[in-house]
Amino acid sequence: MRPDRLKNWETFVWKRPSEVYGAGNFSIFKGITPTDIRQGACGDCYFLSSISSLAEFPERVEKIFLNKEVNEAGCYALQFYINGEPETVVLDDYFPWCNHKDNWAFSRSTNDKEIWVLLLEKAWAKIFGSYQRIEGGTTGEAFPAITGAPTKMILHAEVTDTDALWKQILDGDQKSFVMATSVASDRSGQTNQAVTNLGLVDAHAYSLIAAKELTHNLKKLRLVKIRNPWGQKEWNGDWSDKSDKWTPQLKEAVGFEAKEDGIFFISFEDYIKFFYITSICKYVEGGDLSVVEDEHATGKYCLSTFKIAKQYDTPIVITLYQIHSRLVDETMRGRYQYAPLKLMLGKIIKEKQIDSKSATPEQEVIAFVDGEYMQYNHTHIELPSISPGDYVVFTKGEWDVLNPHRKLILNIYAPDPLEIKRVHTNQQMFSVYSRMDGWLGARLAQENKYQVPSYATK
């Protein structure tokens, strides 16, 4: 932290809402809206954009709070999911106060007499040790922690099929998934001057709140609706509030409003040009989370099994986590390197299902279903459906000396709870791991063209 900022933070004092508003004159929430949030002196816009996106669905924000009414003791409990595991975070109601500005020092609600934003930000800071440790982050990294739902992060520079990306965004909007994005000129091949001239804030996170596909002048028009959590500073290029491209018919079709509220439209083409990432949190109402943790020696796999008793024609998501870098990197300089994570799913089937000429057709084998390989805090695989049977999950962190905490957490996001059991790795022959690794390599080469084998669905 710069010395001038540190000096400023040292002037903050702790105050309770009852001291500021008077006892009984405030609530946790009066009416949650995405525009409630105002950023303060803490540089955690990535977190604020996530809770702003979640606030599109007020009941999802309320679900985080285990007690929903103000209490005299000033004690509150919030439900988070840290490294994929449920964790209750207990807080008091002392928050940093800036005497110079006569206001809360950090993020707060625009409604002066509700404290849900103050509580969420303090809980996030408590998880990692301080407000300083939550400064700076990746758009969408808070989604799994505040929802328990799997999150997919798509770097635009790595996208080879923009139509596929648009389909994912449109699908996410239609399914009421929670989405966010971010501007970073050094990640999108732009200059700082170029993005600021267009009204965007460099190195800043935004909420992605809608996607619209229309016909305009006999051509397909794809628009993305975005919100700046600051509630101001908007895109001023094509399809902005002041753009001359709008017609009365298009305005009506997308619910256009010209306000200085941080909300704006941008064409999909400009979106992928000036924003560098799309984060999609696949929140499903009623989704159930099953969790198991494990550790393993360098070069070894962790094995877990679970049973599916009936056909599911809704998505099942299996996610593998390692310890978040904010809990490991004591220097807070962002230099910690995650270990590559390997996640593979197999199904126990009869050999004849994959080899009709097998000499042992009734012998049970493990057949590859799907897999992923990524160097990040988490990675996941998503099955559009899943058939009854016994499944084996192979997980591995490719640790080195820079990874002192070697804990893995596996969770499954499904309509119903599942019992996940750990299996001793010696129960499988080396050839099984080798074969699964080979299948994973072939699957990764196919990218979005990969089709889940039929024995894994119906």
Protein backbone atom coordinates (compact mmCIF):
# COMPACT_ATOMS: atom_id res chain seq x y z
CA MET A 1 0.00 0.00 0.00
CA ARG A 2 1.27 3.47 -0.89
CA PRO A 3 2.46 5.50 2.14
CA ASP A 4 -0.10 8.27 1.50
CA ARG A 5 -2.99 5.76 1.46
CA LEU A 6 -1.68 4.01 4.56
CA LYS A 7 -1.48 7.34 6.36
CA ASN A 8 -5.09 8.05 5.39
CA TRP A 9 -6.30 4.63 6.57
CA GLU A 10 -4.58 5.15 9.92
CA THR A 11 -6.92 8.09 10.61
CA PHE A 12 -10.02 5.88 10.43
CA VAL A 13 -11.85 5.01 13.64
CA TRP A 14 -14.35 2.27 14.46
CA LYS A 15 -18.00 3.16 14.82
CA ARG A 16 -21.27 1.31 15.21
CA PRO A 17 -24.40 2.11 13.18
CA SER A 18 -26.22 2.83 16.43
CA GLU A 19 -23.74 5.67 17.05
CA VAL A 20 -24.30 7.11 13.59
CA TYR A 21 -28.03 6.59 13.07
CA GLY A 22 -29.29 6.11 16.60
CA ALA A 23 -30.48 2.86 18.18
CA GLY A 24 -33.42 1.35 16.35
CA ASN A 25 -33.11 3.73 13.39
CA PHE A 26 -31.47 1.35 10.90
CA SER A 27 -31.92 -2.13 9.43
CA ILE A 28 -29.84 -4.77 7.69
CA PHE A 29 -31.77 -4.23 4.49
CA LYS A 30 -34.85 -2.22 3.61
CA GLY A 31 -35.00 -3.07 -0.08
CA ILE A 32 -31.98 -4.56 -1.80
CA THR A 33 -31.17 -3.15 -5.24
CA PRO A 34 -28.01 -3.31 -7.38
CA THR A 35 -27.67 0.48 -7.16
CA ASP A 36 -27.47 0.40 -3.36
CA ILE A 37 -23.69 -0.06 -3.40
CA ARG A 38 -21.14 2.75 -3.16
CA GLN A 39 -17.43 2.02 -3.09
CA GLY A 40 -15.28 3.67 -0.44
CA ALA A 41 -11.53 3.87 0.16
CA CYS A 42 -10.95 0.12 -0.25
CA GLY A 43 -10.01 -1.02 -3.77
CA ASP A 44 -12.32 -4.02 -3.89
CA CYS A 45 -14.46 -3.20 -6.94
CA TYR A 46 -14.20 -6.86 -8.05
CA PHE A 47 -16.09 -7.84 -4.89
CA LEU A 48 -18.61 -5.01 -5.15
CA SER A 49 -19.41 -5.83 -8.78
CA SER A 50 -20.14 -9.39 -7.66
CA ILE A 51 -22.56 -8.41 -4.90
CA SER A 52 -24.10 -5.78 -7.20
CA SER A 53 -24.74 -8.51 -9.78
CA LEU A 54 -26.17 -10.78 -7.09
CA ALA A 55 -28.44 -7.94 -5.94
CA GLU A 56 -30.35 -8.28 -9.23
CA PHE A 57 -31.97 -11.09 -7.24
CA PRO A 58 -32.54 -9.64 -3.72
CA GLU A 59 -33.59 -12.97 -2.23
CA ARG A 60 -30.15 -14.39 -3.09
CA VAL A 61 -28.46 -11.65 -1.07
CA GLU A 62 -30.82 -12.16 1.86
CA LYS A 63 -29.98 -15.88 1.83
CA ILE A 64 -26.38 -15.05 2.84
CA PHE A 65 -27.58 -13.49 6.12
CA LEU A 66 -28.42 -16.09 8.76
CA ASN A 67 -30.00 -13.44 10.97
CA LYS A 68 -31.97 -10.87 9.03
CA GLU A 69 -32.87 -8.38 11.76
CA VAL A 70 -30.79 -5.84 13.65
CA ASN A 71 -30.01 -6.96 17.20
CA GLU A 72 -28.87 -5.00 20.24
CA ALA A 73 -25.68 -7.03 20.63
CA GLY A 74 -24.58 -6.08 17.11
CA CYS A 75 -23.72 -9.70 16.29
CA TYR A 76 -24.38 -11.08 12.81
CA ALA A 77 -23.76 -14.40 11.05
CA LEU A 78 -23.26 -14.74 7.29
CA GLN A 79 -23.00 -17.87 5.15
CA PHE A 80 -19.96 -18.00 2.85
CA TYR A 81 -18.25 -20.81 0.94
CA ILE A 82 -14.48 -20.61 1.37
CA ASN A 83 -12.44 -22.78 -0.98
CA GLY A 84 -15.67 -24.59 -1.79
CA GLU A 85 -16.58 -25.36 1.83
CA PRO A 86 -19.52 -23.81 3.74
CA GLU A 87 -18.33 -21.47 6.48
CA THR A 88 -20.31 -19.27 8.87
CA VAL A 89 -18.66 -15.88 9.36
CA VAL A 90 -19.62 -14.13 12.62
CA LEU A 91 -19.21 -10.35 12.86
CA ASP A 92 -19.73 -7.48 15.25
CA ASP A 93 -21.08 -4.18 13.89
CA TYR A 94 -18.03 -1.96 14.27
CA PHE A 95 -17.03 -0.50 10.89
CA PRO A 96 -14.24 1.89 9.78
CA TRP A 97 -15.35 5.53 9.89
CA CYS A 98 -13.71 8.52 8.19
CA ASN A 99 -14.04 11.63 10.37
CA HIS A 100 -12.74 13.82 7.57
CA LYS A 101 -15.64 12.85 5.30
CA ASP A 102 -18.08 12.23 8.15
CA ASN A 103 -19.03 8.93 6.55
CA TRP A 104 -18.18 5.25 6.48
CA ALA A 105 -14.62 4.83 5.22
CA PHE A 106 -15.27 1.84 3.01
CA SER A 107 -18.18 0.55 0.95
CA ARG A 108 -21.69 1.26 2.10
CA SER A 109 -25.29 1.44 0.96
CA THR A 110 -26.70 4.49 -0.75
CA ASN A 111 -29.58 4.08 1.68
CA ASP A 112 -27.97 5.58 4.78
CA LYS A 113 -29.90 3.43 7.19
CA GLU A 114 -29.20 -0.11 5.98
CA ILE A 115 -26.00 -2.06 6.68
CA TRP A 116 -26.00 -5.13 4.40
CA VAL A 117 -23.18 -3.75 2.22
CA LEU A 118 -21.08 -2.87 5.29
CA LEU A 119 -21.57 -6.38 6.68
CA LEU A 120 -20.77 -8.22 3.44
CA GLU A 121 -17.56 -6.28 2.88
CA LYS A 122 -16.44 -6.74 6.49
CA ALA A 123 -17.13 -10.49 6.27
CA TRP A 124 -15.00 -10.70 3.11
CA ALA A 125 -12.21 -8.80 4.90
CA LYS A 126 -12.45 -11.03 7.99
CA ILE A 127 -12.10 -14.19 5.91
CA PHE A 128 -8.73 -13.02 4.59
CA GLY A 129 -7.50 -11.13 7.64
CA SER A 130 -7.97 -7.42 6.90
CA TYR A 131 -9.46 -4.86 4.54
CA GLN A 132 -6.01 -4.38 3.03
CA ARG A 133 -5.87 -8.05 2.02
CA ILE A 134 -9.06 -7.77 -0.08
CA GLU A 135 -7.79 -4.95 -2.29
CA GLY A 136 -7.45 -5.89 -5.96
CA GLY A 137 -8.85 -9.06 -7.44
CA THR A 138 -10.24 -10.94 -10.41
CA THR A 139 -13.76 -10.25 -11.58
CA GLY A 140 -16.01 -13.07 -10.43
CA GLU A 141 -13.59 -14.53 -7.86
CA ALA A 142 -16.11 -13.73 -5.11
CA PHE A 143 -19.05 -15.48 -6.82
CA PRO A 144 -18.34 -19.00 -5.51
CA ALA A 145 -17.73 -17.61 -2.01
CA ILE A 146 -21.00 -15.71 -1.73
CA THR A 147 -23.23 -18.24 -3.52
CA GLY A 148 -21.63 -21.69 -3.30
CA ALA A 149 -22.35 -22.01 -7.02
CA PRO A 150 -19.74 -22.89 -9.67
CA THR A 151 -18.31 -20.02 -11.67
CA LYS A 152 -16.82 -20.02 -15.16
CA MET A 153 -14.27 -17.35 -16.05
CA ILE A 154 -13.69 -16.74 -19.75
CA LEU A 155 -10.70 -14.65 -20.88
CA HIS A 156 -11.64 -12.92 -24.11
CA ALA A 157 -8.09 -13.13 -25.46
CA GLU A 158 -8.38 -16.92 -25.38
CA VAL A 159 -11.76 -17.08 -27.14
CA THR A 160 -11.58 -18.61 -30.61
CA ASP A 161 -15.33 -18.72 -31.21
CA THR A 162 -17.04 -15.44 -30.29
CA ASP A 163 -20.45 -16.82 -31.25
CA ALA A 164 -20.00 -19.52 -28.61
CA LEU A 165 -19.14 -16.85 -26.03
CA TRP A 166 -22.26 -14.85 -26.98
CA LYS A 167 -24.36 -17.98 -26.62
CA GLN A 168 -22.99 -18.55 -23.11
CA ILE A 169 -23.76 -14.96 -22.08
CA LEU A 170 -27.25 -15.06 -23.60
CA ASP A 171 -27.91 -18.43 -21.99
CA GLY A 172 -26.67 -17.11 -18.64
CA ASP A 173 -29.03 -14.14 -18.86
CA GLN A 174 -31.99 -16.34 -19.74
CA LYS A 175 -31.24 -18.73 -16.86
CA SER A 176 -30.81 -15.87 -14.36
CA PHE A 177 -27.16 -16.68 -13.76
CA VAL A 178 -25.08 -13.99 -12.05
CA MET A 179 -22.46 -12.37 -14.32
CA ALA A 180 -19.65 -9.82 -14.13
CA THR A 181 -16.90 -8.42 -16.32
CA SER A 182 -13.88 -6.12 -16.14
CA VAL A 183 -11.78 -3.60 -18.04
CA ALA A 184 -8.00 -3.94 -18.04
CA SER A 185 -6.26 -2.23 -20.94
CA ASP A 186 -3.10 -4.30 -20.49
CA ARG A 187 -5.15 -7.51 -20.82
CA SER A 188 -7.27 -6.46 -23.83
CA GLY A 189 -4.58 -4.97 -26.07
CA GLN A 190 -5.86 -1.42 -25.59
CA THR A 191 -4.22 1.65 -24.10
CA ASN A 192 -5.28 3.34 -20.90
CA GLN A 193 -6.04 6.47 -22.90
CA ALA A 194 -8.26 4.58 -25.32
CA VAL A 195 -10.49 3.09 -22.63
CA THR A 196 -10.72 6.28 -20.56
CA ASN A 197 -11.61 8.34 -23.64
CA LEU A 198 -14.59 6.03 -24.09
CA GLY A 199 -15.78 6.60 -20.53
CA LEU A 200 -14.54 3.28 -19.13
CA VAL A 201 -12.53 2.95 -15.92
CA ASP A 202 -9.31 1.03 -16.42
CA ALA A 203 -8.51 -1.86 -14.05
CA HIS A 204 -12.11 -1.84 -12.85
CA ALA A 205 -14.85 -4.46 -12.43
CA TYR A 206 -18.43 -4.15 -13.67
CA SER A 207 -21.67 -6.12 -13.39
CA LEU A 208 -23.00 -7.76 -16.55
CA ILE A 209 -26.76 -7.53 -16.09
CA ALA A 210 -28.38 -8.46 -19.42
CA ALA A 211 -27.84 -9.55 -23.01
CA LYS A 212 -30.17 -8.61 -25.88
CA GLU A 213 -30.30 -10.03 -29.40
CA LEU A 214 -32.39 -8.01 -31.87
CA THR A 215 -32.76 -7.25 -35.56
CA HIS A 216 -31.72 -3.77 -36.68
CA ASN A 217 -31.56 -2.65 -40.32
CA LEU A 218 -32.09 -6.28 -41.36
CA LYS A 219 -28.98 -7.32 -39.43
CA LYS A 220 -28.44 -9.11 -36.13
CA LEU A 221 -27.71 -6.71 -33.27
CA ARG A 222 -26.16 -8.07 -30.07
CA LEU A 223 -26.08 -5.74 -27.07
CA VAL A 224 -24.68 -6.23 -23.57
CA LYS A 225 -26.08 -4.28 -20.62
CA ILE A 226 -23.48 -3.38 -18.00
CA ARG A 227 -23.42 -1.55 -14.66
CA ASN A 228 -20.54 0.33 -13.07
CA PRO A 229 -20.81 -0.33 -9.30
CA TRP A 230 -19.80 3.30 -8.73
CA GLY A 231 -23.22 4.34 -10.07
CA GLN A 232 -21.55 6.71 -12.51
CA LYS A 233 -18.90 6.92 -15.28
CA GLU A 234 -20.39 5.17 -18.29
CA TRP A 235 -19.33 4.01 -21.74
CA ASN A 236 -19.77 6.85 -24.27
CA GLY A 237 -19.24 4.96 -27.54
CA ASP A 238 -21.80 3.30 -29.84
CA TRP A 239 -25.06 2.35 -28.10
CA SER A 240 -24.25 4.46 -25.04
CA ASP A 241 -26.91 6.67 -23.45
CA LYS A 242 -26.09 9.54 -25.82
CA SER A 243 -25.54 7.47 -28.96
CA ASP A 244 -27.46 8.49 -32.08
CA LYS A 245 -27.90 4.83 -33.07
CA TRP A 246 -30.96 4.36 -30.89
CA THR A 247 -34.43 4.30 -32.42
CA PRO A 248 -37.67 4.51 -30.43
CA GLN A 249 -38.39 0.87 -31.29
CA LEU A 250 -34.99 -0.35 -30.05
CA LYS A 251 -35.26 1.71 -26.86
CA GLU A 252 -38.58 0.11 -26.08
CA ALA A 253 -37.34 -3.38 -26.92
CA VAL A 254 -34.44 -3.26 -24.46
CA GLY A 255 -35.97 -1.01 -21.79
CA PHE A 256 -33.53 1.81 -22.50
CA GLU A 257 -33.22 4.70 -20.00
CA ALA A 258 -30.81 7.60 -20.41
CA LYS A 259 -29.63 8.19 -16.83
CA GLU A 260 -26.31 8.91 -15.20
CA ASP A 261 -26.63 5.77 -13.07
CA GLY A 262 -23.63 3.70 -14.19
CA ILE A 263 -25.81 1.52 -16.45
CA PHE A 264 -25.14 1.41 -20.19
CA PHE A 265 -25.41 -0.73 -23.32
CA ILE A 266 -22.48 -1.69 -25.53
CA SER A 267 -22.33 -3.81 -28.67
CA PHE A 268 -21.05 -7.34 -28.17
CA GLU A 269 -18.22 -6.59 -30.62
CA ASP A 270 -17.03 -3.63 -28.54
CA TYR A 271 -17.61 -5.58 -25.37
CA ILE A 272 -15.08 -8.29 -26.25
CA LYS A 273 -12.71 -5.61 -27.53
CA PHE A 274 -12.61 -3.38 -24.45
CA PHE A 275 -13.57 -5.79 -21.63
CA TYR A 276 -11.15 -8.65 -21.05
CA ILE A 277 -13.15 -11.24 -19.09
CA THR A 278 -16.64 -12.67 -18.63
CA SER A 279 -17.45 -14.38 -15.33
CA ILE A 280 -20.63 -16.48 -15.17
CA CYS A 281 -21.87 -17.80 -11.81
CA LYS A 282 -24.19 -20.72 -12.50
CA TYR A 283 -26.54 -20.14 -9.60
CA VAL A 284 -29.53 -22.48 -9.57
CA GLU A 285 -32.40 -22.04 -7.14
CA GLY A 286 -32.50 -25.08 -4.87
CA GLY A 287 -29.03 -26.25 -5.88
CA ASP A 288 -27.47 -28.52 -3.25
CA LEU A 289 -23.76 -28.64 -2.43
CA SER A 290 -21.95 -31.83 -1.40
CA VAL A 291 -18.34 -31.43 -0.19
CA VAL A 292 -15.30 -33.61 0.60
CA GLU A 293 -11.71 -32.54 1.30
CA ASP A 294 -8.48 -34.42 0.72
CA GLU A 295 -4.71 -34.11 0.65
CA HIS A 296 -2.14 -36.08 -1.29
CA ALA A 297 1.58 -36.43 -1.77
CA THR A 298 3.33 -34.88 -4.75
CA GLY A 299 2.59 -36.82 -7.92
CA LYS A 300 -0.35 -38.74 -6.43
CA TYR A 301 -4.06 -38.61 -7.17
CA CYS A 302 -6.98 -38.24 -4.78
CA LEU A 303 -9.90 -40.54 -5.56
CA SER A 304 -13.52 -40.08 -4.54
CA THR A 305 -16.69 -41.93 -5.49
CA PHE A 306 -20.37 -41.10 -5.55
CA LYS A 307 -23.53 -42.87 -6.67
CA ILE A 308 -26.33 -41.49 -8.85
CA ALA A 309 -29.59 -43.26 -8.07
CA LYS A 310 -31.79 -41.74 -10.76
CA GLN A 311 -31.59 -39.93 -14.09
CA TYR A 312 -30.96 -36.19 -13.88
CA ASP A 313 -31.67 -34.12 -16.97
CA THR A 314 -30.48 -30.92 -15.33
CA PRO A 315 -26.82 -29.83 -15.10
CA ILE A 316 -24.51 -31.33 -12.49
CA VAL A 317 -21.31 -29.38 -11.78
CA ILE A 318 -18.23 -30.89 -10.14
CA THR A 319 -15.68 -28.35 -8.87
CA LEU A 320 -12.18 -28.78 -7.49
CA TYR A 321 -10.65 -26.07 -5.26
CA GLN A 322 -7.26 -25.41 -3.76
CA ILE A 323 -6.49 -22.89 -0.99
CA HIS A 324 -7.14 -19.30 -2.10
CA SER A 325 -3.96 -17.29 -2.69
CA ARG A 326 -5.17 -14.53 -0.33
CA LEU A 327 -4.92 -17.05 2.52
CA VAL A 328 -1.39 -18.10 1.52
CA ASP A 329 0.41 -15.07 0.05
CA GLU A 330 1.73 -13.28 3.12
CA THR A 331 3.47 -10.64 1.02
CA MET A 332 0.14 -9.52 -0.52
CA ARG A 333 2.02 -8.76 -3.74
CA GLY A 334 0.10 -11.18 -5.92
CA ARG A 335 3.14 -13.36 -6.55
CA TYR A 336 1.73 -16.65 -5.30
CA GLN A 337 1.37 -19.19 -8.09
CA TYR A 338 -1.48 -21.67 -7.97
CA ALA A 339 -0.67 -25.29 -8.68
CA PRO A 340 -2.21 -26.70 -11.88
CA LEU A 341 -5.37 -28.64 -11.00
CA LYS A 342 -6.40 -31.84 -12.73
CA LEU A 343 -10.02 -32.99 -12.45
CA MET A 344 -11.40 -36.10 -14.18
CA LEU A 345 -14.68 -37.98 -13.91
CA GLY A 346 -15.07 -41.64 -14.75
CA LYS A 347 -18.01 -44.02 -14.67
CA ILE A 348 -17.86 -47.70 -13.72
CA ILE A 349 -19.39 -49.65 -16.62
CA LYS A 350 -19.23 -53.05 -18.26
CA GLU A 351 -16.33 -53.41 -20.69
CA LYS A 352 -18.71 -54.34 -23.50
CA GLN A 353 -20.12 -50.79 -23.41
CA ILE A 354 -16.89 -49.43 -24.84
CA ASP A 355 -15.54 -52.52 -26.59
CA SER A 356 -18.10 -54.79 -28.27
CA LYS A 357 -15.35 -57.31 -29.11
CA SER A 358 -13.98 -57.56 -25.57
CA ALA A 359 -12.96 -61.01 -24.39
CA THR A 360 -14.29 -60.08 -20.93
CA PRO A 361 -17.51 -58.19 -21.77
CA GLU A 362 -18.92 -58.30 -18.21
CA GLN A 363 -15.76 -57.03 -16.55
CA GLU A 364 -16.14 -53.66 -14.84
CA VAL A 365 -13.91 -50.82 -16.05
CA ILE A 366 -13.66 -47.10 -15.45
CA ALA A 367 -14.62 -45.14 -18.57
CA PHE A 368 -13.73 -41.47 -19.01
CA VAL A 369 -16.67 -39.06 -18.85
CA ASP A 370 -15.18 -35.57 -18.73
CA GLY A 371 -12.25 -33.63 -17.32
CA GLU A 372 -10.51 -30.27 -16.97
CA TYR A 373 -7.00 -28.98 -16.33
CA MET A 374 -6.41 -25.44 -15.09
CA GLN A 375 -3.95 -23.39 -13.04
CA TYR A 376 -6.27 -21.37 -10.82
CA ASN A 377 -8.01 -21.45 -7.43
CA HIS A 378 -10.65 -23.76 -8.87
CA THR A 379 -11.68 -25.66 -11.97
CA HIS A 380 -14.88 -27.50 -12.82
CA ILE A 381 -16.66 -29.78 -15.24
CA GLU A 382 -20.33 -29.44 -16.09
CA LEU A 383 -22.51 -32.32 -17.22
CA PRO A 384 -25.76 -31.37 -18.99
CA SER A 385 -27.31 -34.54 -17.53
CA ILE A 386 -26.20 -37.67 -15.73
CA SER A 387 -27.44 -41.26 -15.69
CA PRO A 388 -27.69 -43.68 -12.74
CA GLY A 389 -24.55 -45.52 -11.75
CA ASP A 390 -21.29 -45.40 -9.82
CA TYR A 391 -18.81 -42.63 -10.56
CA VAL A 392 -15.15 -42.06 -9.71
CA VAL A 393 -13.56 -38.60 -9.45
CA PHE A 394 -9.79 -38.29 -9.98
CA THR A 395 -8.28 -35.09 -8.56
CA LYS A 396 -4.71 -33.87 -8.42
CA GLY A 397 -2.81 -30.72 -7.57
CA GLU A 398 0.53 -30.62 -9.33
CA TRP A 399 2.33 -29.21 -6.31
CA ASP A 400 5.85 -27.81 -6.15
CA VAL A 401 7.90 -26.11 -3.42
CA LEU A 402 5.92 -22.87 -3.89
CA ASN A 403 2.68 -24.53 -2.75
CA PRO A 404 2.95 -25.05 1.04
CA HIS A 405 -0.77 -25.70 1.56
CA ARG A 406 -1.76 -28.82 -0.33
CA LYS A 407 -5.39 -29.24 0.55
CA LEU A 408 -7.95 -30.00 -2.16
CA ILE A 409 -11.70 -29.56 -1.79
CA LEU A 410 -14.12 -31.31 -4.11
CA ASN A 411 -17.75 -30.30 -4.28
CA ILE A 412 -20.71 -31.30 -6.43
CA TYR A 413 -23.51 -28.84 -7.22
CA ALA A 414 -26.64 -30.87 -7.93
CA PRO A 415 -30.42 -30.83 -7.41
CA ASP A 416 -30.06 -33.25 -4.48
CA PRO A 417 -27.30 -33.91 -1.91
CA LEU A 418 -24.87 -36.67 -2.82
CA GLU A 419 -22.65 -38.79 -0.57
CA ILE A 420 -19.04 -38.40 -1.69
CA LYS A 421 -16.65 -41.07 -0.35
CA ARG A 422 -12.86 -40.99 -0.35
CA VAL A 423 -11.11 -44.00 -1.87
CA HIS A 424 -7.58 -45.22 -1.16
CA THR A 425 -5.44 -44.55 -4.25
CA ASN A 426 -3.79 -47.98 -4.07
CA GLN A 427 -7.10 -49.56 -5.04
CA GLN A 428 -6.47 -48.56 -8.65
CA MET A 429 -3.70 -49.84 -10.91
CA PHE A 430 -1.21 -47.43 -12.47
CA SER A 431 -2.65 -48.21 -15.92
CA VAL A 432 -5.99 -46.67 -14.86
CA TYR A 433 -4.36 -43.30 -14.13
CA SER A 434 -2.35 -43.45 -17.33
CA ARG A 435 -5.44 -44.22 -19.40
CA MET A 436 -7.46 -41.44 -17.75
CA ASP A 437 -4.64 -38.95 -18.38
CA GLY A 438 -4.61 -39.94 -22.04
CA TRP A 439 -8.36 -39.44 -22.36
CA LEU A 440 -8.08 -36.06 -20.64
CA GLY A 441 -5.50 -34.89 -23.17
CA ALA A 442 -7.78 -35.89 -26.05
CA ARG A 443 -10.75 -34.19 -24.40
CA LEU A 444 -8.87 -30.89 -23.86
CA ALA A 445 -7.80 -30.87 -27.51
CA GLN A 446 -11.47 -30.90 -28.57
CA GLU A 447 -12.35 -27.89 -26.34
CA ASN A 448 -16.00 -26.83 -26.90
CA LYS A 449 -16.56 -29.56 -29.49
CA TYR A 450 -16.32 -32.32 -26.90
CA GLN A 451 -19.47 -34.38 -26.44
CA VAL A 452 -20.06 -36.21 -23.15
CA PRO A 453 -20.24 -39.96 -23.93
CA SER A 454 -23.71 -41.45 -24.05
CA TYR A 455 -23.03 -43.92 -21.23
CA ALA A 456 -22.69 -40.88 -18.94
CA THR A 457 -26.09 -39.41 -19.75
CA LYS A 458 -28.90 -41.61 -21.03
